[in-house]
Amino acid sequence: MVIKSNEVVFSKDQIEYLSSLHFINRIDDHLKSVNNVNVVEMSGTMPARIILSLEIYYNDSKVDILTFDLHNYNYEDIIEIAKDIRSSEFIMQEVDNFLSGSV
């Protein structure tokens, strides 16, 4: 069984591994995120969606959950971003933009 996310194809083993990922990232002294990857199969011929969920915590209090659609990302990049969101300038900018209006 393979699942396609736009033009990227994932095997069943890759999907199971991605779905099992859970990482905690300390962003600064007050901010951390718990990162999970979810694979959402779509109906019909729609490609699967690879969703990165970030549970954002400020001083150990949950603030919110931010999600990012990682369509067209390859397998290794998805793992790297989930492991360390600081490796993605775009995601860090979005987290910063969110926090500037929320905390």
PDB file of N, CA and C in Angstrom:
ATOM      1  N   MET A   1       0.848  -1.182   0.000  1.00  0.00           N
ATOM      2  CA  MET A   1       0.000   0.000   0.000  1.00  0.00           C
ATOM      3  C   MET A   1       0.892   1.243   0.000  1.00  0.00           C
ATOM      4  N   VAL A   2       0.590   2.167  -0.864  1.00  0.00           N
ATOM      5  CA  VAL A   2       1.291   3.441  -0.903  1.00  0.00           C
ATOM      6  C   VAL A   2       0.259   4.557  -0.868  1.00  0.00           C
ATOM      7  N   ILE A   3       0.656   5.653  -0.291  1.00  0.00           N
ATOM      8  CA  ILE A   3      -0.210   6.831  -0.243  1.00  0.00           C
ATOM      9  C   ILE A   3       0.549   7.978  -0.862  1.00  0.00           C
ATOM     10  N   LYS A   4      -0.156   8.732  -1.661  1.00  0.00           N
ATOM     11  CA  LYS A   4       0.435   9.848  -2.379  1.00  0.00           C
ATOM     12  C   LYS A   4       0.006  11.155  -1.728  1.00  0.00           C
ATOM     13  N   SER A   5       0.960  12.041  -1.492  1.00  0.00           N
ATOM     14  CA  SER A   5       0.670  13.390  -1.028  1.00  0.00           C
ATOM     15  C   SER A   5       1.154  14.317  -2.124  1.00  0.00           C
ATOM     16  N   ASN A   6       0.231  14.720  -2.961  1.00  0.00           N
ATOM     17  CA  ASN A   6       0.524  15.416  -4.211  1.00  0.00           C
ATOM     18  C   ASN A   6       1.471  14.548  -5.023  1.00  0.00           C
ATOM     19  N   GLU A   7       2.705  14.912  -5.209  1.00  0.00           N
ATOM     20  CA  GLU A   7       3.606  14.107  -6.029  1.00  0.00           C
ATOM     21  C   GLU A   7       4.559  13.247  -5.208  1.00  0.00           C
ATOM     22  N   VAL A   8       4.474  13.295  -3.881  1.00  0.00           N
ATOM     23  CA  VAL A   8       5.339  12.505  -3.021  1.00  0.00           C
ATOM     24  C   VAL A   8       4.576  11.248  -2.618  1.00  0.00           C
ATOM     25  N   VAL A   9       5.218  10.081  -2.739  1.00  0.00           N
ATOM     26  CA  VAL A   9       4.574   8.804  -2.432  1.00  0.00           C
ATOM     27  C   VAL A   9       5.205   8.217  -1.176  1.00  0.00           C
ATOM     28  N   PHE A  10       4.353   7.747  -0.262  1.00  0.00           N
ATOM     29  CA  PHE A  10       4.802   7.161   0.991  1.00  0.00           C
ATOM     30  C   PHE A  10       4.354   5.716   1.092  1.00  0.00           C
ATOM     31  N   SER A  11       5.246   4.857   1.574  1.00  0.00           N
ATOM     32  CA  SER A  11       4.892   3.453   1.792  1.00  0.00           C
ATOM     33  C   SER A  11       4.116   3.328   3.101  1.00  0.00           C
ATOM     34  N   LYS A  12       3.522   2.162   3.332  1.00  0.00           N
ATOM     35  CA  LYS A  12       2.789   1.913   4.569  1.00  0.00           C
ATOM     36  C   LYS A  12       3.720   2.045   5.776  1.00  0.00           C
ATOM     37  N   ASP A  13       4.938   1.511   5.680  1.00  0.00           N
ATOM     38  CA  ASP A  13       5.903   1.619   6.781  1.00  0.00           C
ATOM     39  C   ASP A  13       6.263   3.074   7.069  1.00  0.00           C
ATOM     40  N   GLN A  14       6.448   3.872   6.025  1.00  0.00           N
ATOM     41  CA  GLN A  14       6.761   5.288   6.217  1.00  0.00           C
ATOM     42  C   GLN A  14       5.596   6.011   6.887  1.00  0.00           C
ATOM     43  N   ILE A  15       4.391   5.702   6.466  1.00  0.00           N
ATOM     44  CA  ILE A  15       3.204   6.333   7.051  1.00  0.00           C
ATOM     45  C   ILE A  15       3.081   5.976   8.522  1.00  0.00           C
ATOM     46  N   GLU A  16       3.295   4.706   8.851  1.00  0.00           N
ATOM     47  CA  GLU A  16       3.226   4.284  10.247  1.00  0.00           C
ATOM     48  C   GLU A  16       4.293   4.978  11.080  1.00  0.00           C
ATOM     49  N   TYR A  17       5.497   5.098  10.530  1.00  0.00           N
ATOM     50  CA  TYR A  17       6.569   5.771  11.265  1.00  0.00           C
ATOM     51  C   TYR A  17       6.251   7.257  11.455  1.00  0.00           C
ATOM     52  N   LEU A  18       5.838   7.925  10.392  1.00  0.00           N
ATOM     53  CA  LEU A  18       5.488   9.345  10.498  1.00  0.00           C
ATOM     54  C   LEU A  18       4.395   9.559  11.540  1.00  0.00           C
ATOM     55  N   SER A  19       3.399   8.680  11.532  1.00  0.00           N
ATOM     56  CA  SER A  19       2.272   8.809  12.461  1.00  0.00           C
ATOM     57  C   SER A  19       2.675   8.558  13.907  1.00  0.00           C
ATOM     58  N   SER A  20       3.812   7.906  14.122  1.00  0.00           N
ATOM     59  CA  SER A  20       4.258   7.606  15.482  1.00  0.00           C
ATOM     60  C   SER A  20       5.168   8.686  16.054  1.00  0.00           C
ATOM     61  N   LEU A  21       5.521   9.680  15.263  1.00  0.00           N
ATOM     62  CA  LEU A  21       6.477  10.694  15.705  1.00  0.00           C
ATOM     63  C   LEU A  21       5.866  11.655  16.721  1.00  0.00           C
ATOM     64  N   HIS A  22       6.609  11.879  17.797  1.00  0.00           N
ATOM     65  CA  HIS A  22       6.247  12.850  18.830  1.00  0.00           C
ATOM     66  C   HIS A  22       7.554  13.425  19.353  1.00  0.00           C
ATOM     67  N   PHE A  23       7.726  14.719  19.214  1.00  0.00           N
ATOM     68  CA  PHE A  23       8.950  15.378  19.666  1.00  0.00           C
ATOM     69  C   PHE A  23       8.605  16.589  20.506  1.00  0.00           C
ATOM     70  N   ILE A  24       9.459  16.875  21.484  1.00  0.00           N
ATOM     71  CA  ILE A  24       9.332  18.097  22.270  1.00  0.00           C
ATOM     72  C   ILE A  24      10.496  19.000  21.899  1.00  0.00           C
ATOM     73  N   ASN A  25      10.177  20.223  21.524  1.00  0.00           N
ATOM     74  CA  ASN A  25      11.194  21.215  21.182  1.00  0.00           C
ATOM     75  C   ASN A  25      11.137  22.358  22.179  1.00  0.00           C
ATOM     76  N   ARG A  26      12.263  22.651  22.816  1.00  0.00           N
ATOM     77  CA  ARG A  26      12.358  23.849  23.645  1.00  0.00           C
ATOM     78  C   ARG A  26      12.809  24.969  22.721  1.00  0.00           C
ATOM     79  N   ILE A  27      11.974  25.979  22.577  1.00  0.00           N
ATOM     80  CA  ILE A  27      12.253  27.076  21.659  1.00  0.00           C
ATOM     81  C   ILE A  27      13.017  28.183  22.377  1.00  0.00           C
ATOM     82  N   ASP A  28      12.618  28.490  23.598  1.00  0.00           N
ATOM     83  CA  ASP A  28      13.369  29.423  24.439  1.00  0.00           C
ATOM     84  C   ASP A  28      13.073  29.078  25.894  1.00  0.00           C
ATOM     85  N   ASP A  29      13.451  29.942  26.827  1.00  0.00           N
ATOM     86  CA  ASP A  29      13.269  29.631  28.252  1.00  0.00           C
ATOM     87  C   ASP A  29      11.805  29.444  28.650  1.00  0.00           C
ATOM     88  N   HIS A  30      10.895  30.054  27.936  1.00  0.00           N
ATOM     89  CA  HIS A  30       9.481  30.011  28.299  1.00  0.00           C
ATOM     90  C   HIS A  30       8.625  29.200  27.331  1.00  0.00           C
ATOM     91  N   LEU A  31       9.126  28.931  26.157  1.00  0.00           N
ATOM     92  CA  LEU A  31       8.315  28.391  25.076  1.00  0.00           C
ATOM     93  C   LEU A  31       8.794  27.006  24.653  1.00  0.00           C
ATOM     94  N   LYS A  32       7.825  26.084  24.518  1.00  0.00           N
ATOM     95  CA  LYS A  32       8.147  24.776  23.965  1.00  0.00           C
ATOM     96  C   LYS A  32       6.977  24.313  23.105  1.00  0.00           C
ATOM     97  N   SER A  33       7.260  23.317  22.274  1.00  0.00           N
ATOM     98  CA  SER A  33       6.208  22.738  21.440  1.00  0.00           C
ATOM     99  C   SER A  33       6.310  21.222  21.496  1.00  0.00           C
ATOM    100  N   VAL A  34       5.164  20.583  21.411  1.00  0.00           N
ATOM    101  CA  VAL A  34       5.080  19.139  21.266  1.00  0.00           C
ATOM    102  C   VAL A  34       4.614  18.910  19.833  1.00  0.00           C
ATOM    103  N   ASN A  35       5.440  18.222  19.053  1.00  0.00           N
ATOM    104  CA  ASN A  35       5.216  18.091  17.618  1.00  0.00           C
ATOM    105  C   ASN A  35       4.773  16.675  17.270  1.00  0.00           C
ATOM    106  N   ASN A  36       3.715  16.591  16.465  1.00  0.00           N
ATOM    107  CA  ASN A  36       3.177  15.310  16.002  1.00  0.00           C
ATOM    108  C   ASN A  36       2.924  15.404  14.508  1.00  0.00           C
ATOM    109  N   VAL A  37       3.066  14.272  13.836  1.00  0.00           N
ATOM    110  CA  VAL A  37       2.753  14.208  12.412  1.00  0.00           C
ATOM    111  C   VAL A  37       1.524  13.317  12.242  1.00  0.00           C
ATOM    112  N   ASN A  38       0.552  13.806  11.490  1.00  0.00           N
ATOM    113  CA  ASN A  38      -0.653  13.041  11.189  1.00  0.00           C
ATOM    114  C   ASN A  38      -0.778  12.892   9.679  1.00  0.00           C
ATOM    115  N   VAL A  39      -1.097  11.681   9.246  1.00  0.00           N
ATOM    116  CA  VAL A  39      -1.343  11.424   7.831  1.00  0.00           C
ATOM    117  C   VAL A  39      -2.847  11.272   7.670  1.00  0.00           C
ATOM    118  N   VAL A  40      -3.426  12.162   6.885  1.00  0.00           N
ATOM    119  CA  VAL A  40      -4.873  12.166   6.687  1.00  0.00           C
ATOM    120  C   VAL A  40      -5.159  11.699   5.269  1.00  0.00           C
ATOM    121  N   GLU A  41      -5.749  10.500   5.174  1.00  0.00           N
ATOM    122  CA  GLU A  41      -6.108   9.981   3.863  1.00  0.00           C
ATOM    123  C   GLU A  41      -7.387  10.673   3.407  1.00  0.00           C
ATOM    124  N   MET A  42      -7.388  11.070   2.151  1.00  0.00           N
ATOM    125  CA  MET A  42      -8.530  11.772   1.585  1.00  0.00           C
ATOM    126  C   MET A  42      -9.348  10.794   0.748  1.00  0.00           C
ATOM    127  N   SER A  43     -10.579  11.141   0.475  1.00  0.00           N
ATOM    128  CA  SER A  43     -11.442  10.252  -0.299  1.00  0.00           C
ATOM    129  C   SER A  43     -11.152  10.365  -1.793  1.00  0.00           C
ATOM    130  N   GLY A  44     -11.502   9.316  -2.494  1.00  0.00           N
ATOM    131  CA  GLY A  44     -11.368   9.319  -3.950  1.00  0.00           C
ATOM    132  C   GLY A  44      -9.924   9.431  -4.396  1.00  0.00           C
ATOM    133  N   THR A  45      -9.695  10.297  -5.362  1.00  0.00           N
ATOM    134  CA  THR A  45      -8.357  10.456  -5.925  1.00  0.00           C
ATOM    135  C   THR A  45      -7.575  11.609  -5.286  1.00  0.00           C
ATOM    136  N   MET A  46      -8.142  12.189  -4.241  1.00  0.00           N
ATOM    137  CA  MET A  46      -7.452  13.284  -3.547  1.00  0.00           C
ATOM    138  C   MET A  46      -6.201  12.742  -2.865  1.00  0.00           C
ATOM    139  N   PRO A  47      -5.084  13.465  -2.965  1.00  0.00           N
ATOM    140  CA  PRO A  47      -3.857  13.001  -2.302  1.00  0.00           C
ATOM    141  C   PRO A  47      -3.967  13.122  -0.782  1.00  0.00           C
ATOM    142  N   ALA A  48      -3.234  12.274  -0.077  1.00  0.00           N
ATOM    143  CA  ALA A  48      -3.203  12.339   1.385  1.00  0.00           C
ATOM    144  C   ALA A  48      -2.599  13.667   1.820  1.00  0.00           C
ATOM    145  N   ARG A  49      -2.969  14.084   3.014  1.00  0.00           N
ATOM    146  CA  ARG A  49      -2.398  15.296   3.591  1.00  0.00           C
ATOM    147  C   ARG A  49      -1.495  14.898   4.747  1.00  0.00           C
ATOM    148  N   ILE A  50      -0.313  15.469   4.772  1.00  0.00           N
ATOM    149  CA  ILE A  50       0.631  15.261   5.865  1.00  0.00           C
ATOM    150  C   ILE A  50       0.565  16.517   6.722  1.00  0.00           C
ATOM    151  N   ILE A  51       0.077  16.370   7.951  1.00  0.00           N
ATOM    152  CA  ILE A  51      -0.163  17.513   8.822  1.00  0.00           C
ATOM    153  C   ILE A  51       0.802  17.470  10.010  1.00  0.00           C
ATOM    154  N   LEU A  52       1.534  18.549  10.203  1.00  0.00           N
ATOM    155  CA  LEU A  52       2.383  18.719  11.377  1.00  0.00           C
ATOM    156  C   LEU A  52       1.593  19.537  12.387  1.00  0.00           C
ATOM    157  N   SER A  53       1.374  18.967  13.573  1.00  0.00           N
ATOM    158  CA  SER A  53       0.668  19.669  14.650  1.00  0.00           C
ATOM    159  C   SER A  53       1.666  20.076  15.720  1.00  0.00           C
ATOM    160  N   LEU A  54       1.599  21.331  16.106  1.00  0.00           N
ATOM    161  CA  LEU A  54       2.456  21.849  17.167  1.00  0.00           C
ATOM    162  C   LEU A  54       1.576  22.285  18.330  1.00  0.00           C
ATOM    163  N   GLU A  55       1.696  21.590  19.458  1.00  0.00           N
ATOM    164  CA  GLU A  55       1.039  22.040  20.677  1.00  0.00           C
ATOM    165  C   GLU A  55       1.998  23.035  21.312  1.00  0.00           C
ATOM    166  N   ILE A  56       1.584  24.272  21.393  1.00  0.00           N
ATOM    167  CA  ILE A  56       2.441  25.345  21.892  1.00  0.00           C
ATOM    168  C   ILE A  56       2.190  25.550  23.385  1.00  0.00           C
ATOM    169  N   TYR A  57       3.282  25.559  24.165  1.00  0.00           N
ATOM    170  CA  TYR A  57       3.226  25.777  25.612  1.00  0.00           C
ATOM    171  C   TYR A  57       4.075  26.985  25.970  1.00  0.00           C
ATOM    172  N   TYR A  58       3.500  27.848  26.798  1.00  0.00           N
ATOM    173  CA  TYR A  58       4.229  29.005  27.313  1.00  0.00           C
ATOM    174  C   TYR A  58       4.245  28.868  28.827  1.00  0.00           C
ATOM    175  N   ASN A  59       5.439  28.806  29.425  1.00  0.00           N
ATOM    176  CA  ASN A  59       5.581  28.561  30.870  1.00  0.00           C
ATOM    177  C   ASN A  59       4.758  27.349  31.315  1.00  0.00           C
ATOM    178  N   ASP A  60       4.835  26.277  30.536  1.00  0.00           N
ATOM    179  CA  ASP A  60       4.174  24.989  30.802  1.00  0.00           C
ATOM    180  C   ASP A  60       2.645  25.039  30.751  1.00  0.00           C
ATOM    181  N   SER A  61       2.080  26.133  30.261  1.00  0.00           N
ATOM    182  CA  SER A  61       0.633  26.207  30.054  1.00  0.00           C
ATOM    183  C   SER A  61       0.361  26.131  28.558  1.00  0.00           C
ATOM    184  N   LYS A  62      -0.553  25.247  28.192  1.00  0.00           N
ATOM    185  CA  LYS A  62      -0.875  25.089  26.775  1.00  0.00           C
ATOM    186  C   LYS A  62      -1.552  26.346  26.263  1.00  0.00           C
ATOM    187  N   VAL A  63      -1.019  26.868  25.153  1.00  0.00           N
ATOM    188  CA  VAL A  63      -1.546  28.079  24.550  1.00  0.00           C
ATOM    189  C   VAL A  63      -2.528  27.720  23.441  1.00  0.00           C
ATOM    190  N   ASP A  64      -2.099  26.874  22.516  1.00  0.00           N
ATOM    191  CA  ASP A  64      -2.932  26.524  21.370  1.00  0.00           C
ATOM    192  C   ASP A  64      -2.236  25.428  20.572  1.00  0.00           C
ATOM    193  N   ILE A  65      -2.891  25.004  19.502  1.00  0.00           N
ATOM    194  CA  ILE A  65      -2.304  24.044  18.562  1.00  0.00           C
ATOM    195  C   ILE A  65      -2.241  24.710  17.196  1.00  0.00           C
ATOM    196  N   LEU A  66      -1.064  24.698  16.615  1.00  0.00           N
ATOM    197  CA  LEU A  66      -0.877  25.200  15.251  1.00  0.00           C
ATOM    198  C   LEU A  66      -0.664  24.002  14.337  1.00  0.00           C
ATOM    199  N   THR A  67      -1.234  24.052  13.145  1.00  0.00           N
ATOM    200  CA  THR A  67      -1.053  22.957  12.190  1.00  0.00           C
ATOM    201  C   THR A  67      -0.495  23.491  10.882  1.00  0.00           C
ATOM    202  N   PHE A  68       0.298  22.634  10.252  1.00  0.00           N
ATOM    203  CA  PHE A  68       0.931  22.971   8.987  1.00  0.00           C
ATOM    204  C   PHE A  68       0.778  21.799   8.045  1.00  0.00           C
ATOM    205  N   ASP A  69       0.327  22.068   6.834  1.00  0.00           N
ATOM    206  CA  ASP A  69       0.193  21.051   5.807  1.00  0.00           C
ATOM    207  C   ASP A  69       1.541  20.915   5.106  1.00  0.00           C
ATOM    208  N   LEU A  70       2.148  19.742   5.210  1.00  0.00           N
ATOM    209  CA  LEU A  70       3.469  19.523   4.630  1.00  0.00           C
ATOM    210  C   LEU A  70       3.388  18.800   3.285  1.00  0.00           C
ATOM    211  N   HIS A  71       2.421  19.187   2.457  1.00  0.00           N
ATOM    212  CA  HIS A  71       2.310  18.567   1.137  1.00  0.00           C
ATOM    213  C   HIS A  71       3.561  18.885   0.321  1.00  0.00           C
ATOM    214  N   ASN A  72       3.944  17.964  -0.496  1.00  0.00           N
ATOM    215  CA  ASN A  72       5.136  18.069  -1.354  1.00  0.00           C
ATOM    216  C   ASN A  72       6.451  18.021  -0.597  1.00  0.00           C
ATOM    217  N   TYR A  73       6.439  17.806   0.703  1.00  0.00           N
ATOM    218  CA  TYR A  73       7.685  17.614   1.445  1.00  0.00           C
ATOM    219  C   TYR A  73       8.084  16.152   1.324  1.00  0.00           C
ATOM    220  N   ASN A  74       9.375  15.884   1.210  1.00  0.00           N
ATOM    221  CA  ASN A  74       9.781  14.488   1.153  1.00  0.00           C
ATOM    222  C   ASN A  74       9.871  13.926   2.569  1.00  0.00           C
ATOM    223  N   TYR A  75       9.965  12.631   2.638  1.00  0.00           N
ATOM    224  CA  TYR A  75       9.947  11.881   3.897  1.00  0.00           C
ATOM    225  C   TYR A  75      10.993  12.392   4.890  1.00  0.00           C
ATOM    226  N   GLU A  76      12.218  12.530   4.456  1.00  0.00           N
ATOM    227  CA  GLU A  76      13.307  12.957   5.343  1.00  0.00           C
ATOM    228  C   GLU A  76      13.081  14.376   5.868  1.00  0.00           C
ATOM    229  N   ASP A  77      12.590  15.274   5.017  1.00  0.00           N
ATOM    230  CA  ASP A  77      12.334  16.654   5.440  1.00  0.00           C
ATOM    231  C   ASP A  77      11.221  16.720   6.488  1.00  0.00           C
ATOM    232  N   ILE A  78      10.204  15.898   6.324  1.00  0.00           N
ATOM    233  CA  ILE A  78       9.104  15.866   7.296  1.00  0.00           C
ATOM    234  C   ILE A  78       9.636  15.454   8.661  1.00  0.00           C
ATOM    235  N   ILE A  79      10.471  14.436   8.685  1.00  0.00           N
ATOM    236  CA  ILE A  79      11.052  13.969   9.949  1.00  0.00           C
ATOM    237  C   ILE A  79      11.925  15.055  10.560  1.00  0.00           C
ATOM    238  N   GLU A  80      12.758  15.695   9.753  1.00  0.00           N
ATOM    239  CA  GLU A  80      13.656  16.735  10.251  1.00  0.00           C
ATOM    240  C   GLU A  80      12.876  17.907  10.844  1.00  0.00           C
ATOM    241  N   ILE A  81      11.829  18.341  10.173  1.00  0.00           N
ATOM    242  CA  ILE A  81      11.028  19.461  10.679  1.00  0.00           C
ATOM    243  C   ILE A  81      10.297  19.063  11.959  1.00  0.00           C
ATOM    244  N   ALA A  82       9.744  17.852  11.991  1.00  0.00           N
ATOM    245  CA  ALA A  82       9.044  17.402  13.201  1.00  0.00           C
ATOM    246  C   ALA A  82      10.000  17.302  14.382  1.00  0.00           C
ATOM    247  N   LYS A  83      11.211  16.844  14.129  1.00  0.00           N
ATOM    248  CA  LYS A  83      12.232  16.720  15.177  1.00  0.00           C
ATOM    249  C   LYS A  83      12.666  18.068  15.707  1.00  0.00           C
ATOM    250  N   ASP A  84      12.835  19.016  14.803  1.00  0.00           N
ATOM    251  CA  ASP A  84      13.380  20.320  15.181  1.00  0.00           C
ATOM    252  C   ASP A  84      12.721  21.400  14.338  1.00  0.00           C
ATOM    253  N   ILE A  85      11.648  21.986  14.875  1.00  0.00           N
ATOM    254  CA  ILE A  85      10.929  22.999  14.092  1.00  0.00           C
ATOM    255  C   ILE A  85      11.800  24.212  13.803  1.00  0.00           C
ATOM    256  N   ARG A  86      12.872  24.366  14.567  1.00  0.00           N
ATOM    257  CA  ARG A  86      13.776  25.489  14.317  1.00  0.00           C
ATOM    258  C   ARG A  86      14.486  25.340  12.973  1.00  0.00           C
ATOM    259  N   SER A  87      14.444  24.148  12.387  1.00  0.00           N
ATOM    260  CA  SER A  87      15.065  23.940  11.078  1.00  0.00           C
ATOM    261  C   SER A  87      14.219  24.527   9.949  1.00  0.00           C
ATOM    262  N   SER A  88      13.001  24.958  10.268  1.00  0.00           N
ATOM    263  CA  SER A  88      12.117  25.550   9.267  1.00  0.00           C
ATOM    264  C   SER A  88      11.885  27.026   9.585  1.00  0.00           C
ATOM    265  N   GLU A  89      12.498  27.878   8.793  1.00  0.00           N
ATOM    266  CA  GLU A  89      12.342  29.321   8.989  1.00  0.00           C
ATOM    267  C   GLU A  89      10.871  29.730   8.882  1.00  0.00           C
ATOM    268  N   PHE A  90      10.142  29.147   7.935  1.00  0.00           N
ATOM    269  CA  PHE A  90       8.730  29.477   7.743  1.00  0.00           C
ATOM    270  C   PHE A  90       7.915  29.143   8.993  1.00  0.00           C
ATOM    271  N   ILE A  91       8.088  27.941   9.536  1.00  0.00           N
ATOM    272  CA  ILE A  91       7.310  27.540  10.710  1.00  0.00           C
ATOM    273  C   ILE A  91       7.664  28.413  11.904  1.00  0.00           C
ATOM    274  N   MET A  92       8.937  28.700  12.099  1.00  0.00           N
ATOM    275  CA  MET A  92       9.322  29.564  13.212  1.00  0.00           C
ATOM    276  C   MET A  92       8.724  30.963  13.071  1.00  0.00           C
ATOM    277  N   GLN A  93       8.679  31.461  11.860  1.00  0.00           N
ATOM    278  CA  GLN A  93       8.068  32.767  11.627  1.00  0.00           C
ATOM    279  C   GLN A  93       6.571  32.724  11.943  1.00  0.00           C
ATOM    280  N   GLU A  94       5.902  31.649  11.548  1.00  0.00           N
ATOM    281  CA  GLU A  94       4.468  31.514  11.831  1.00  0.00           C
ATOM    282  C   GLU A  94       4.207  31.397  13.335  1.00  0.00           C
ATOM    283  N   VAL A  95       5.046  30.658  14.055  1.00  0.00           N
ATOM    284  CA  VAL A  95       4.919  30.559  15.504  1.00  0.00           C
ATOM    285  C   VAL A  95       5.109  31.932  16.139  1.00  0.00           C
ATOM    286  N   ASP A  96       6.126  32.650  15.686  1.00  0.00           N
ATOM    287  CA  ASP A  96       6.383  33.992  16.206  1.00  0.00           C
ATOM    288  C   ASP A  96       5.213  34.923  15.924  1.00  0.00           C
ATOM    289  N   ASN A  97       4.670  34.884  14.711  1.00  0.00           N
ATOM    290  CA  ASN A  97       3.518  35.719  14.362  1.00  0.00           C
ATOM    291  C   ASN A  97       2.312  35.377  15.225  1.00  0.00           C
ATOM    292  N   PHE A  98       2.079  34.100  15.450  1.00  0.00           N
ATOM    293  CA  PHE A  98       0.964  33.672  16.283  1.00  0.00           C
ATOM    294  C   PHE A  98       1.145  34.189  17.723  1.00  0.00           C
ATOM    295  N   LEU A  99       2.335  34.003  18.265  1.00  0.00           N
ATOM    296  CA  LEU A  99       2.575  34.398  19.642  1.00  0.00           C
ATOM    297  C   LEU A  99       2.544  35.905  19.851  1.00  0.00           C
ATOM    298  N   SER A 100       2.941  36.651  18.854  1.00  0.00           N
ATOM    299  CA  SER A 100       2.936  38.107  19.001  1.00  0.00           C
ATOM    300  C   SER A 100       1.521  38.641  19.200  1.00  0.00           C
ATOM    301  N   GLY A 101       0.533  37.870  18.803  1.00  0.00           N
ATOM    302  CA  GLY A 101      -0.844  38.297  18.993  1.00  0.00           C
ATOM    303  C   GLY A 101      -1.564  37.564  20.091  1.00  0.00           C
ATOM    304  N   SER A 102      -0.924  36.523  20.704  1.00  0.00           N
ATOM    305  CA  SER A 102      -1.635  35.671  21.657  1.00  0.00           C
ATOM    306  C   SER A 102      -1.109  35.712  23.082  1.00  0.00           C
ATOM    307  N   VAL A 103       0.181  35.934  23.256  1.00  0.00           N
ATOM    308  CA  VAL A 103       0.740  35.803  24.609  1.00  0.00           C
ATOM    309  C   VAL A 103       0.999  37.172  25.190  1.00  0.00           C
TER     310      VAL A 103
END
